[in-house]
C-alpha cells in the first residue's frame, strides 16, 4: 500500500507541489496594499534604461511610456507608471537605506490586472529584483516561475510565481525579504541603498529568453510591441529602513558608543574595530574614519546612524546629536 502511494504521488505534476502565495485579497496572500501602515517610506530617486518595445525587432524603437519620476513616491495606479521595455532596467534610491528587519523589507508595485473572463488569472508583466549597498555590486532575489503556458489573453496564475516583481495587481505590492538574498561580503543587508528592477523578456526563443533561479524559461505575455512595453514600474515602498527601525545587533555585546546623546566627541569601543561611518537621517554619509573618536561638533542636531565595522562583522547603532 505504501509503495502504491508513492507511485501515485510521482504521477502528480511537480507544479502542484510548488504553488506559491495566491492573488491579493485571497487567504494566504503576501500582497500589501499601498495604503498599508507597514510602509514607512517610498523611493526618492529613479533612473531608467529603456529596453526595446520588441527585443527581436530593435528597429521598432524603445519603450517610451511614462517618466522616471512616476516611480517616485506612492503608487499612482494604472497610467501613472514608467514602462521599461524588453529587458529594461530601473534603479531606485531612497532617503534612508533599507535594512533587514523581521519579515519583508520592501515591496514593488506594478499595474497588473485581473482577467475579466477568468478571475483566476491575471495580466502580469514581471521583473527580477536586485539590491545593492554601494550602487555598483547588485545581488538578485532567487525568483521562481512554474508557468509553462499562458492562460486566456496571455494571463498568469500568481500562485505559479515567486520573488518576481509584478506578481500582484495594481495598488498591491509584491514584498521582498532581504533574508532571501544569498549572503555576500559585498552586500550589507542592513544598508541597502539601491533597488534595481530588470524586466523579464517573456519570449521563449532561447536567443532572447530569460531564466529563473532554477533554470526555467520565464514565460509571460510577449510580445507587447507598444510604447508601454515591458514591466510597468509604479513604486517601491519601504517597510524597514535605518530612519525608522532599530536593527538587530547580533554580536554587539562588546560595542559601546558614548556619550549618547552627544554634543561634541563620540567615542566608539569595539574589539577589532576597523572603521566607523556616520549617516544622517536621510542616509547620507557624513563621517568616515578608522579612529575610535568622532568629532560630531560641526554636524547639525538630529538623529544619526553609526555603522561600526570590525573583524567580527558590522553593527549599526543610533545616536542623537544635540
C-alpha atoms as a PDB file:
ATOM      1  CA  UNK A   1       0.000   0.000   0.000  1.00  0.00           C
ATOM      2  CA  UNK A   2       2.818   2.386   0.890  1.00  0.00           C
ATOM      3  CA  UNK A   3       4.559   1.624  -2.422  1.00  0.00           C
ATOM      4  CA  UNK A   4       1.342   2.337  -4.303  1.00  0.00           C
ATOM      5  CA  UNK A   5       1.027   5.676  -2.505  1.00  0.00           C
ATOM      6  CA  UNK A   6       4.475   6.811  -3.645  1.00  0.00           C
ATOM      7  CA  UNK A   7       3.805   5.703  -7.220  1.00  0.00           C
ATOM      8  CA  UNK A   8       0.617   7.762  -7.255  1.00  0.00           C
ATOM      9  CA  UNK A   9       2.417  10.790  -5.829  1.00  0.00           C
ATOM     10  CA  UNK A  10       5.083  10.554  -8.515  1.00  0.00           C
ATOM     11  CA  UNK A  11       2.385  10.859 -11.161  1.00  0.00           C
ATOM     12  CA  UNK A  12       1.195  14.231  -9.840  1.00  0.00           C
ATOM     13  CA  UNK A  13       2.676  17.129 -11.839  1.00  0.00           C
ATOM     14  CA  UNK A  14       5.528  18.782  -9.947  1.00  0.00           C
ATOM     15  CA  UNK A  15       3.934  22.215 -10.317  1.00  0.00           C
ATOM     16  CA  UNK A  16       1.182  21.127  -7.927  1.00  0.00           C
ATOM     17  CA  UNK A  17       3.794  20.598  -5.217  1.00  0.00           C
ATOM     18  CA  UNK A  18       5.278  24.063  -5.577  1.00  0.00           C
ATOM     19  CA  UNK A  19       2.400  26.523  -5.510  1.00  0.00           C
ATOM     20  CA  UNK A  20       3.198  29.924  -4.081  1.00  0.00           C
ATOM     21  CA  UNK A  21       1.184  32.703  -2.447  1.00  0.00           C
ATOM     22  CA  UNK A  22      -2.219  33.391  -4.063  1.00  0.00           C
ATOM     23  CA  UNK A  23      -3.516  36.672  -5.545  1.00  0.00           C
ATOM     24  CA  UNK A  24      -4.300  39.763  -3.490  1.00  0.00           C
ATOM     25  CA  UNK A  25      -7.331  39.509  -1.204  1.00  0.00           C
ATOM     26  CA  UNK A  26      -7.106  35.704  -1.093  1.00  0.00           C
ATOM     27  CA  UNK A  27      -6.333  33.736   2.045  1.00  0.00           C
ATOM     28  CA  UNK A  28      -2.577  33.289   2.340  1.00  0.00           C
ATOM     29  CA  UNK A  29      -1.607  36.136   0.002  1.00  0.00           C
ATOM     30  CA  UNK A  30       1.516  38.165   0.707  1.00  0.00           C
ATOM     31  CA  UNK A  31       0.258  41.198  -1.238  1.00  0.00           C
ATOM     32  CA  UNK A  32       0.437  44.512   0.628  1.00  0.00           C
ATOM     33  CA  UNK A  33      -1.959  47.322  -0.282  1.00  0.00           C
ATOM     34  CA  UNK A  34      -0.465  50.735  -0.982  1.00  0.00           C
ATOM     35  CA  UNK A  35      -2.392  52.192   1.969  1.00  0.00           C
ATOM     36  CA  UNK A  36      -0.839  49.774   4.459  1.00  0.00           C
ATOM     37  CA  UNK A  37       0.732  51.281   7.570  1.00  0.00           C
ATOM     38  CA  UNK A  38       3.615  48.833   7.043  1.00  0.00           C
ATOM     39  CA  UNK A  39       5.206  51.347   4.676  1.00  0.00           C
ATOM     40  CA  UNK A  40       7.434  53.915   6.346  1.00  0.00           C
ATOM     41  CA  UNK A  41       8.917  55.486   3.198  1.00  0.00           C
ATOM     42  CA  UNK A  42       8.968  55.385  -0.609  1.00  0.00           C
ATOM     43  CA  UNK A  43      11.682  55.612  -3.252  1.00  0.00           C
ATOM     44  CA  UNK A  44      13.004  59.146  -3.691  1.00  0.00           C
ATOM     45  CA  UNK A  45      15.001  58.670  -6.878  1.00  0.00           C
ATOM     46  CA  UNK A  46      14.689  56.624 -10.084  1.00  0.00           C
ATOM     47  CA  UNK A  47      16.720  56.259 -13.260  1.00  0.00           C
ATOM     48  CA  UNK A  48      15.516  54.091 -16.155  1.00  0.00           C
ATOM     49  CA  UNK A  49      17.417  52.492 -19.011  1.00  0.00           C
ATOM     50  CA  UNK A  50      14.697  51.658 -21.530  1.00  0.00           C
ATOM     51  CA  UNK A  51      14.628  48.429 -23.437  1.00  0.00           C
ATOM     52  CA  UNK A  52      13.137  47.956 -26.927  1.00  0.00           C
ATOM     53  CA  UNK A  53       9.402  47.603 -27.456  1.00  0.00           C
ATOM     54  CA  UNK A  54      10.208  44.256 -29.017  1.00  0.00           C
ATOM     55  CA  UNK A  55      13.620  42.746 -28.396  1.00  0.00           C
ATOM     56  CA  UNK A  56      13.721  40.798 -31.670  1.00  0.00           C
ATOM     57  CA  UNK A  57      12.855  43.931 -33.692  1.00  0.00           C
ATOM     58  CA  UNK A  58      15.040  46.712 -32.304  1.00  0.00           C
ATOM     59  CA  UNK A  59      14.270  48.888 -35.297  1.00  0.00           C
ATOM     60  CA  UNK A  60      10.812  49.446 -33.797  1.00  0.00           C
ATOM     61  CA  UNK A  61      12.397  51.644 -31.114  1.00  0.00           C
ATOM     62  CA  UNK A  62      12.434  51.774 -27.338  1.00  0.00           C
ATOM     63  CA  UNK A  63       9.567  51.752 -24.886  1.00  0.00           C
ATOM     64  CA  UNK A  64       8.652  55.333 -24.038  1.00  0.00           C
ATOM     65  CA  UNK A  65       5.568  55.339 -21.810  1.00  0.00           C
ATOM     66  CA  UNK A  66       5.790  57.361 -18.611  1.00  0.00           C
ATOM     67  CA  UNK A  67       8.655  59.216 -16.960  1.00  0.00           C
ATOM     68  CA  UNK A  68      11.208  58.121 -14.380  1.00  0.00           C
ATOM     69  CA  UNK A  69       9.651  60.386 -11.750  1.00  0.00           C
ATOM     70  CA  UNK A  70       6.381  58.413 -11.845  1.00  0.00           C
ATOM     71  CA  UNK A  71       8.155  55.645  -9.885  1.00  0.00           C
ATOM     72  CA  UNK A  72       8.970  58.046  -7.044  1.00  0.00           C
ATOM     73  CA  UNK A  73       6.673  58.255  -4.030  1.00  0.00           C
ATOM     74  CA  UNK A  74       3.381  56.439  -3.503  1.00  0.00           C
ATOM     75  CA  UNK A  75       1.756  54.284  -6.227  1.00  0.00           C
ATOM     76  CA  UNK A  76      -0.193  56.235  -8.815  1.00  0.00           C
ATOM     77  CA  UNK A  77      -2.068  53.386 -10.469  1.00  0.00           C
ATOM     78  CA  UNK A  78      -2.617  52.094 -13.983  1.00  0.00           C
ATOM     79  CA  UNK A  79      -1.440  55.039 -16.085  1.00  0.00           C
ATOM     80  CA  UNK A  80       0.976  56.648 -13.636  1.00  0.00           C
ATOM     81  CA  UNK A  81       3.831  54.234 -14.331  1.00  0.00           C
ATOM     82  CA  UNK A  82       7.093  54.096 -16.257  1.00  0.00           C
ATOM     83  CA  UNK A  83       7.469  51.257 -18.779  1.00  0.00           C
ATOM     84  CA  UNK A  84      10.850  49.542 -19.006  1.00  0.00           C
ATOM     85  CA  UNK A  85      10.578  47.759 -22.356  1.00  0.00           C
ATOM     86  CA  UNK A  86      12.066  44.327 -23.067  1.00  0.00           C
ATOM     87  CA  UNK A  87      15.000  43.835 -20.693  1.00  0.00           C
ATOM     88  CA  UNK A  88      14.837  47.435 -19.489  1.00  0.00           C
ATOM     89  CA  UNK A  89      16.261  48.421 -16.116  1.00  0.00           C
ATOM     90  CA  UNK A  90      15.106  50.802 -13.376  1.00  0.00           C
ATOM     91  CA  UNK A  91      17.337  51.702 -10.431  1.00  0.00           C
ATOM     92  CA  UNK A  92      15.747  53.281  -7.377  1.00  0.00           C
ATOM     93  CA  UNK A  93      17.290  55.097  -4.435  1.00  0.00           C
ATOM     94  CA  UNK A  94      15.977  56.060  -1.016  1.00  0.00           C
ATOM     95  CA  UNK A  95      16.303  58.850   1.520  1.00  0.00           C
ATOM     96  CA  UNK A  96      17.297  56.346   4.199  1.00  0.00           C
ATOM     97  CA  UNK A  97      18.903  52.959   3.484  1.00  0.00           C
ATOM     98  CA  UNK A  98      16.698  49.862   3.633  1.00  0.00           C
ATOM     99  CA  UNK A  99      17.639  47.449   6.402  1.00  0.00           C
ATOM    100  CA  UNK A 100      16.965  43.784   7.070  1.00  0.00           C
ATOM    101  CA  UNK A 101      14.194  43.661   9.643  1.00  0.00           C
ATOM    102  CA  UNK A 102      11.804  40.903  10.640  1.00  0.00           C
ATOM    103  CA  UNK A 103       9.870  39.684   7.589  1.00  0.00           C
ATOM    104  CA  UNK A 104       9.565  41.628   4.344  1.00  0.00           C
ATOM    105  CA  UNK A 105      11.700  44.759   3.969  1.00  0.00           C
ATOM    106  CA  UNK A 106      10.238  46.477   0.885  1.00  0.00           C
ATOM    107  CA  UNK A 107       7.609  45.940  -1.799  1.00  0.00           C
ATOM    108  CA  UNK A 108       7.415  46.656  -5.538  1.00  0.00           C
ATOM    109  CA  UNK A 109       4.241  47.874  -7.258  1.00  0.00           C
ATOM    110  CA  UNK A 110       3.218  47.260 -10.877  1.00  0.00           C
ATOM    111  CA  UNK A 111      -0.094  47.788 -12.696  1.00  0.00           C
ATOM    112  CA  UNK A 112      -1.271  44.226 -13.358  1.00  0.00           C
ATOM    113  CA  UNK A 113      -4.982  43.438 -13.608  1.00  0.00           C
ATOM    114  CA  UNK A 114      -7.358  40.513 -13.365  1.00  0.00           C
ATOM    115  CA  UNK A 115      -8.757  38.777 -16.438  1.00  0.00           C
ATOM    116  CA  UNK A 116     -12.425  39.775 -16.590  1.00  0.00           C
ATOM    117  CA  UNK A 117     -13.383  36.465 -18.233  1.00  0.00           C
ATOM    118  CA  UNK A 118     -11.351  34.275 -15.876  1.00  0.00           C
ATOM    119  CA  UNK A 119     -10.762  35.821 -12.424  1.00  0.00           C
ATOM    120  CA  UNK A 120      -8.272  33.091 -11.501  1.00  0.00           C
ATOM    121  CA  UNK A 121      -5.602  34.542 -13.800  1.00  0.00           C
ATOM    122  CA  UNK A 122      -4.060  37.986 -14.230  1.00  0.00           C
ATOM    123  CA  UNK A 123      -2.285  40.005 -16.884  1.00  0.00           C
ATOM    124  CA  UNK A 124       1.116  40.406 -15.257  1.00  0.00           C
ATOM    125  CA  UNK A 125       4.421  41.750 -16.512  1.00  0.00           C
ATOM    126  CA  UNK A 126       7.351  40.605 -14.404  1.00  0.00           C
ATOM    127  CA  UNK A 127      10.763  41.837 -13.357  1.00  0.00           C
ATOM    128  CA  UNK A 128      13.735  40.461 -11.479  1.00  0.00           C
ATOM    129  CA  UNK A 129      14.638  42.340  -8.295  1.00  0.00           C
ATOM    130  CA  UNK A 130      18.202  43.126  -7.257  1.00  0.00           C
ATOM    131  CA  UNK A 131      19.683  45.068  -4.334  1.00  0.00           C
ATOM    132  CA  UNK A 132      22.949  46.862  -3.646  1.00  0.00           C
ATOM    133  CA  UNK A 133      24.598  48.590  -0.709  1.00  0.00           C
ATOM    134  CA  UNK A 134      27.088  50.541  -2.833  1.00  0.00           C
ATOM    135  CA  UNK A 135      25.312  51.181  -6.157  1.00  0.00           C
ATOM    136  CA  UNK A 136      27.866  49.059  -8.024  1.00  0.00           C
ATOM    137  CA  UNK A 137      27.506  45.430  -6.930  1.00  0.00           C
ATOM    138  CA  UNK A 138      23.944  44.105  -7.268  1.00  0.00           C
ATOM    139  CA  UNK A 139      22.537  40.830  -5.963  1.00  0.00           C
ATOM    140  CA  UNK A 140      19.368  39.183  -7.280  1.00  0.00           C
ATOM    141  CA  UNK A 141      16.494  37.656  -5.347  1.00  0.00           C
ATOM    142  CA  UNK A 142      16.087  33.987  -6.310  1.00  0.00           C
ATOM    143  CA  UNK A 143      12.929  34.149  -8.425  1.00  0.00           C
ATOM    144  CA  UNK A 144      10.974  31.051  -9.446  1.00  0.00           C
ATOM    145  CA  UNK A 145       8.413  30.535 -12.209  1.00  0.00           C
ATOM    146  CA  UNK A 146       6.394  27.367 -12.784  1.00  0.00           C
ATOM    147  CA  UNK A 147       4.422  28.912 -15.642  1.00  0.00           C
ATOM    148  CA  UNK A 148       4.746  26.650 -18.669  1.00  0.00           C
ATOM    149  CA  UNK A 149       1.977  28.160 -20.769  1.00  0.00           C
ATOM    150  CA  UNK A 150      -0.164  31.267 -20.569  1.00  0.00           C
ATOM    151  CA  UNK A 151      -3.875  31.319 -19.879  1.00  0.00           C
ATOM    152  CA  UNK A 152      -6.542  33.291 -21.709  1.00  0.00           C
ATOM    153  CA  UNK A 153      -5.314  36.602 -23.154  1.00  0.00           C
ATOM    154  CA  UNK A 154      -1.755  35.856 -22.088  1.00  0.00           C
ATOM    155  CA  UNK A 155      -2.576  35.751 -18.385  1.00  0.00           C
ATOM    156  CA  UNK A 156      -0.755  34.113 -15.448  1.00  0.00           C
ATOM    157  CA  UNK A 157      -1.817  32.391 -12.252  1.00  0.00           C
ATOM    158  CA  UNK A 158       0.084  34.304  -9.482  1.00  0.00           C
ATOM    159  CA  UNK A 159       0.360  31.082  -7.475  1.00  0.00           C
ATOM    160  CA  UNK A 160       2.909  29.823 -10.005  1.00  0.00           C
ATOM    161  CA  UNK A 161       5.470  32.625  -9.481  1.00  0.00           C
ATOM    162  CA  UNK A 162       7.621  33.665  -6.536  1.00  0.00           C
ATOM    163  CA  UNK A 163      10.026  36.561  -5.860  1.00  0.00           C
ATOM    164  CA  UNK A 164       9.211  38.331  -9.112  1.00  0.00           C
ATOM    165  CA  UNK A 165       8.126  41.948  -9.026  1.00  0.00           C
ATOM    166  CA  UNK A 166       4.749  42.263 -10.722  1.00  0.00           C
ATOM    167  CA  UNK A 167       3.176  39.205  -9.071  1.00  0.00           C
ATOM    168  CA  UNK A 168       0.170  41.228  -7.901  1.00  0.00           C
ATOM    169  CA  UNK A 169      -2.363  43.589  -9.436  1.00  0.00           C
ATOM    170  CA  UNK A 170      -2.222  47.384  -9.311  1.00  0.00           C
ATOM    171  CA  UNK A 171      -2.035  49.016  -5.862  1.00  0.00           C
ATOM    172  CA  UNK A 172      -0.866  45.743  -4.286  1.00  0.00           C
ATOM    173  CA  UNK A 173       2.858  45.488  -3.669  1.00  0.00           C
ATOM    174  CA  UNK A 174       4.926  42.332  -4.014  1.00  0.00           C
ATOM    175  CA  UNK A 175       7.039  42.077  -0.832  1.00  0.00           C
ATOM    176  CA  UNK A 176      10.710  41.105  -0.682  1.00  0.00           C
ATOM    177  CA  UNK A 177      12.664  39.853   2.335  1.00  0.00           C
ATOM    178  CA  UNK A 178      16.415  40.542   2.269  1.00  0.00           C
ATOM    179  CA  UNK A 179      16.977  37.239   4.036  1.00  0.00           C
ATOM    180  CA  UNK A 180      16.151  35.576   0.689  1.00  0.00           C
ATOM    181  CA  UNK A 181      19.244  37.058  -0.972  1.00  0.00           C
ATOM    182  CA  UNK A 182      22.379  34.956  -0.630  1.00  0.00           C
ATOM    183  CA  UNK A 183      24.902  36.455   1.775  1.00  0.00           C
ATOM    184  CA  UNK A 184      27.871  38.152   0.146  1.00  0.00           C
ATOM    185  CA  UNK A 185      30.704  40.256   1.600  1.00  0.00           C
ATOM    186  CA  UNK A 186      29.869  42.982  -0.938  1.00  0.00           C
ATOM    187  CA  UNK A 187      26.261  43.306   0.266  1.00  0.00           C
ATOM    188  CA  UNK A 188      25.369  44.903   3.588  1.00  0.00           C
ATOM    189  CA  UNK A 189      21.757  43.896   4.112  1.00  0.00           C
ATOM    190  CA  UNK A 190      21.404  46.490   6.844  1.00  0.00           C
ATOM    191  CA  UNK A 191      22.414  49.276   4.483  1.00  0.00           C
ATOM    192  CA  UNK A 192      20.713  48.715   1.104  1.00  0.00           C
ATOM    193  CA  UNK A 193      20.886  51.941  -0.881  1.00  0.00           C
ATOM    194  CA  UNK A 194      19.670  50.771  -4.317  1.00  0.00           C
ATOM    195  CA  UNK A 195      16.896  48.520  -5.616  1.00  0.00           C
ATOM    196  CA  UNK A 196      17.092  47.510  -9.276  1.00  0.00           C
ATOM    197  CA  UNK A 197      14.272  46.091 -11.440  1.00  0.00           C
ATOM    198  CA  UNK A 198      15.207  44.154 -14.585  1.00  0.00           C
ATOM    199  CA  UNK A 199      12.356  43.444 -16.994  1.00  0.00           C
ATOM    200  CA  UNK A 200      11.673  39.808 -17.777  1.00  0.00           C
ATOM    201  CA  UNK A 201      11.572  39.117 -21.510  1.00  0.00           C
ATOM    202  CA  UNK A 202       8.772  36.582 -21.768  1.00  0.00           C
ATOM    203  CA  UNK A 203       9.901  35.264 -25.133  1.00  0.00           C
ATOM    204  CA  UNK A 204      10.586  31.504 -25.236  1.00  0.00           C
ATOM    205  CA  UNK A 205      13.142  31.826 -28.068  1.00  0.00           C
ATOM    206  CA  UNK A 206      16.488  30.839 -26.461  1.00  0.00           C
ATOM    207  CA  UNK A 207      18.137  33.802 -28.169  1.00  0.00           C
ATOM    208  CA  UNK A 208      16.052  36.220 -26.104  1.00  0.00           C
ATOM    209  CA  UNK A 209      14.606  34.178 -23.236  1.00  0.00           C
ATOM    210  CA  UNK A 210      15.255  34.900 -19.577  1.00  0.00           C
ATOM    211  CA  UNK A 211      15.573  32.217 -16.902  1.00  0.00           C
ATOM    212  CA  UNK A 212      14.590  31.905 -13.267  1.00  0.00           C
ATOM    213  CA  UNK A 213      16.889  30.813 -10.440  1.00  0.00           C
ATOM    214  CA  UNK A 214      16.083  27.151 -11.169  1.00  0.00           C
ATOM    215  CA  UNK A 215      16.917  27.389 -14.869  1.00  0.00           C
ATOM    216  CA  UNK A 216      13.326  27.538 -16.158  1.00  0.00           C
ATOM    217  CA  UNK A 217      12.424  29.798 -19.068  1.00  0.00           C
ATOM    218  CA  UNK A 218      10.228  32.560 -17.646  1.00  0.00           C
ATOM    219  CA  UNK A 219       7.005  32.725 -19.629  1.00  0.00           C
ATOM    220  CA  UNK A 220       4.868  35.870 -19.668  1.00  0.00           C
ATOM    221  CA  UNK A 221       2.801  37.803 -22.196  1.00  0.00           C
ATOM    222  CA  UNK A 222       5.060  38.601 -25.173  1.00  0.00           C
ATOM    223  CA  UNK A 223       5.375  40.443 -27.436  1.00  0.00           C
ATOM    224  CA  UNK A 224       3.792  43.719 -26.315  1.00  0.00           C
ATOM    225  CA  UNK A 225       5.092  45.972 -29.126  1.00  0.00           C
ATOM    226  CA  UNK A 226       3.884  49.291 -27.755  1.00  0.00           C
ATOM    227  CA  UNK A 227       5.352  52.315 -26.010  1.00  0.00           C
ATOM    228  CA  UNK A 228       4.177  50.724 -22.767  1.00  0.00           C
ATOM    229  CA  UNK A 229       6.098  47.505 -23.443  1.00  0.00           C
ATOM    230  CA  UNK A 230       7.632  45.549 -20.593  1.00  0.00           C
ATOM    231  CA  UNK A 231       7.403  45.901 -16.828  1.00  0.00           C
ATOM    232  CA  UNK A 232       5.411  48.951 -15.746  1.00  0.00           C
ATOM    233  CA  UNK A 233       7.031  50.282 -12.569  1.00  0.00           C
ATOM    234  CA  UNK A 234       4.667  52.138 -10.264  1.00  0.00           C
ATOM    235  CA  UNK A 235       6.503  52.439  -6.923  1.00  0.00           C
ATOM    236  CA  UNK A 236       8.766  50.838  -4.337  1.00  0.00           C
ATOM    237  CA  UNK A 237       7.595  51.047  -0.738  1.00  0.00           C
ATOM    238  CA  UNK A 238       9.990  50.674   2.201  1.00  0.00           C
ATOM    239  CA  UNK A 239       8.998  48.614   5.247  1.00  0.00           C
ATOM    240  CA  UNK A 240      12.293  48.650   7.170  1.00  0.00           C
ATOM    241  CA  UNK A 241      14.884  51.413   6.956  1.00  0.00           C
ATOM    242  CA  UNK A 242      17.524  52.951   9.184  1.00  0.00           C
ATOM    243  CA  UNK A 243      15.449  56.027   9.946  1.00  0.00           C
ATOM    244  CA  UNK A 244      12.504  54.087  11.386  1.00  0.00           C
ATOM    245  CA  UNK A 245      13.828  50.789  12.722  1.00  0.00           C
ATOM    246  CA  UNK A 246      16.133  49.586  15.450  1.00  0.00           C
ATOM    247  CA  UNK A 247      18.401  46.981  13.909  1.00  0.00           C
ATOM    248  CA  UNK A 248      19.182  43.610  15.428  1.00  0.00           C
ATOM    249  CA  UNK A 249      22.635  43.889  16.950  1.00  0.00           C
ATOM    250  CA  UNK A 250      23.907  40.325  16.934  1.00  0.00           C
ATOM    251  CA  UNK A 251      27.384  40.079  18.364  1.00  0.00           C
ATOM    252  CA  UNK A 252      27.235  43.677  19.619  1.00  0.00           C
ATOM    253  CA  UNK A 253      27.600  42.921  23.314  1.00  0.00           C
ATOM    254  CA  UNK A 254      31.124  44.380  23.240  1.00  0.00           C
ATOM    255  CA  UNK A 255      30.097  47.560  21.399  1.00  0.00           C
ATOM    256  CA  UNK A 256      29.653  50.882  23.157  1.00  0.00           C
ATOM    257  CA  UNK A 257      29.031  54.448  21.941  1.00  0.00           C
ATOM    258  CA  UNK A 258      29.187  57.303  24.438  1.00  0.00           C
ATOM    259  CA  UNK A 259      28.033  59.808  25.338  1.00  0.00           C
ATOM    260  CA  UNK A 260      24.599  59.389  23.759  1.00  0.00           C
ATOM    261  CA  UNK A 261      23.154  61.987  23.269  1.00  0.00           C
ATOM    262  CA  UNK A 262      26.410  63.535  22.127  1.00  0.00           C
ATOM    263  CA  UNK A 263      27.409  67.178  21.797  1.00  0.00           C
ATOM    264  CA  UNK A 264      30.964  67.093  20.500  1.00  0.00           C
ATOM    265  CA  UNK A 265      33.121  63.961  20.680  1.00  0.00           C
ATOM    266  CA  UNK A 266      31.589  60.486  20.223  1.00  0.00           C
ATOM    267  CA  UNK A 267      33.691  57.574  21.450  1.00  0.00           C
ATOM    268  CA  UNK A 268      33.321  54.085  19.973  1.00  0.00           C
ATOM    269  CA  UNK A 269      34.641  50.973  21.683  1.00  0.00           C
ATOM    270  CA  UNK A 270      34.613  47.625  19.908  1.00  0.00           C
ATOM    271  CA  UNK A 271      37.159  44.860  19.773  1.00  0.00           C
ATOM    272  CA  UNK A 272      38.790  44.550  16.359  1.00  0.00           C
ATOM    273  CA  UNK A 273      37.480  47.946  15.204  1.00  0.00           C
ATOM    274  CA  UNK A 274      38.282  48.589  11.542  1.00  0.00           C
ATOM    275  CA  UNK A 275      36.226  51.618  10.532  1.00  0.00           C
ATOM    276  CA  UNK A 276      33.322  53.848  11.566  1.00  0.00           C
ATOM    277  CA  UNK A 277      30.768  55.529   9.277  1.00  0.00           C
ATOM    278  CA  UNK A 278      28.169  58.061  10.357  1.00  0.00           C
ATOM    279  CA  UNK A 279      24.999  58.584   8.303  1.00  0.00           C
ATOM    280  CA  UNK A 280      22.365  61.275   8.754  1.00  0.00           C
ATOM    281  CA  UNK A 281      18.633  60.586   8.914  1.00  0.00           C
ATOM    282  CA  UNK A 282      18.284  60.584   5.114  1.00  0.00           C
ATOM    283  CA  UNK A 283      21.087  58.077   4.601  1.00  0.00           C
ATOM    284  CA  UNK A 284      23.899  60.424   3.557  1.00  0.00           C
ATOM    285  CA  UNK A 285      27.414  59.518   4.678  1.00  0.00           C
ATOM    286  CA  UNK A 286      28.709  62.456   6.760  1.00  0.00           C
ATOM    287  CA  UNK A 287      31.741  60.942   8.519  1.00  0.00           C
ATOM    288  CA  UNK A 288      34.055  58.075   7.597  1.00  0.00           C
ATOM    289  CA  UNK A 289      37.060  57.243   9.774  1.00  0.00           C
ATOM    290  CA  UNK A 290      39.213  54.471  11.179  1.00  0.00           C
ATOM    291  CA  UNK A 291      39.513  56.274  14.525  1.00  0.00           C
ATOM    292  CA  UNK A 292      37.525  55.371  17.622  1.00  0.00           C
ATOM    293  CA  UNK A 293      36.738  59.033  18.365  1.00  0.00           C
ATOM    294  CA  UNK A 294      34.420  61.003  16.065  1.00  0.00           C
ATOM    295  CA  UNK A 295      34.027  64.768  16.114  1.00  0.00           C
ATOM    296  CA  UNK A 296      30.283  65.465  15.921  1.00  0.00           C
ATOM    297  CA  UNK A 297      30.546  69.123  16.889  1.00  0.00           C
ATOM    298  CA  UNK A 298      30.077  70.509  13.370  1.00  0.00           C
ATOM    299  CA  UNK A 299      27.112  68.280  12.493  1.00  0.00           C
ATOM    300  CA  UNK A 300      23.546  69.633  12.767  1.00  0.00           C
ATOM    301  CA  UNK A 301      21.471  68.418  15.703  1.00  0.00           C
ATOM    302  CA  UNK A 302      19.381  65.329  14.987  1.00  0.00           C
ATOM    303  CA  UNK A 303      19.401  61.547  14.700  1.00  0.00           C
ATOM    304  CA  UNK A 304      22.414  59.755  13.194  1.00  0.00           C
ATOM    305  CA  UNK A 305      23.258  56.127  12.430  1.00  0.00           C
ATOM    306  CA  UNK A 306      26.740  54.883  13.240  1.00  0.00           C
ATOM    307  CA  UNK A 307      27.928  51.857  11.265  1.00  0.00           C
ATOM    308  CA  UNK A 308      30.795  50.122  13.031  1.00  0.00           C
ATOM    309  CA  UNK A 309      32.879  47.640  11.047  1.00  0.00           C
ATOM    310  CA  UNK A 310      35.066  45.139  12.857  1.00  0.00           C
ATOM    311  CA  UNK A 311      36.718  41.801  12.198  1.00  0.00           C
ATOM    312  CA  UNK A 312      33.609  40.190  13.735  1.00  0.00           C
ATOM    313  CA  UNK A 313      31.120  41.912  11.405  1.00  0.00           C
ATOM    314  CA  UNK A 314      29.036  45.079  11.189  1.00  0.00           C
ATOM    315  CA  UNK A 315      26.838  46.792  13.766  1.00  0.00           C
ATOM    316  CA  UNK A 316      24.579  49.829  13.287  1.00  0.00           C
ATOM    317  CA  UNK A 317      23.660  51.973  16.276  1.00  0.00           C
ATOM    318  CA  UNK A 318      21.559  55.100  16.611  1.00  0.00           C
ATOM    319  CA  UNK A 319      22.847  58.242  18.307  1.00  0.00           C
ATOM    320  CA  UNK A 320      21.373  61.671  18.938  1.00  0.00           C
ATOM    321  CA  UNK A 321      23.403  64.834  18.350  1.00  0.00           C
ATOM    322  CA  UNK A 322      22.274  67.813  20.409  1.00  0.00           C
END
